[in-house]
């Protein structure tokens, strides 16, 4: 009876691991292919092959990369372009705080794992029921996405000249579209949806009147504005009661 229980537990564990690997590879491959769009967009925006590949190798956070090359291609200054990309990337620091507790990786591994702390790895790891499967999901997602993203970035940068007018293909919208698809399911409360909606209004509304890159910076004000309004509303409700 004991042997049968051990075998059943092992079988359930193997099935769980296969499901985690399957889901992680699905995310890694689906998002990794959009690296091609980044390579084309970056090369079309004037960055060299070396600069484009270095961004994917060293920065490795798609939304920030698209924001940087988009602002530069639109004529924005390098400072505002880098600042916008930086603020978009700050969210990864909050992912890191949560994942460090969940994964509990050895100190020697943490600097390398930090490179893979992005939306996709955080989403897969946080969805797992145990620490072991969270680690498995994080590693498989990070490895598959990092390899494929950098490979497709190289192919996209090399193929940009053959494609011609990259704006006509709309490839620059692929990265933000993937980012929105990952973000949308996370907006579960009214406050979160209000922050996202106000940020969109600020970003799009200020785009025609401010230099490229600046609307992204100002869109970050949506979070404190909504939280302040929500706090005032809660205080008002408390006084009414």
Foldseek 3Di string as FASTA:
>chain_A
DVVVVVVVVVVVVVVLLVVLLVVLLVLQVVLLLLLLLLLLLQLLLPDALVVLLCCCQQVVELVLSLQLSVLSSLPHDNVLSNVLSVVVCVVLVVLVVVVCVLQVDDPVCVVVLSSQSYLSLSVSLVPDDHNVSSVSSNVSNSVSNSVSSSVSSSVNNVCNVVVPPSVVVVSSVPSVVVVCVSCVVVQDDPLSVQLVVQLVCQLVVCVVPDRRSVSSVVSVVSNVVSVVVVVVVVVVVVVVD
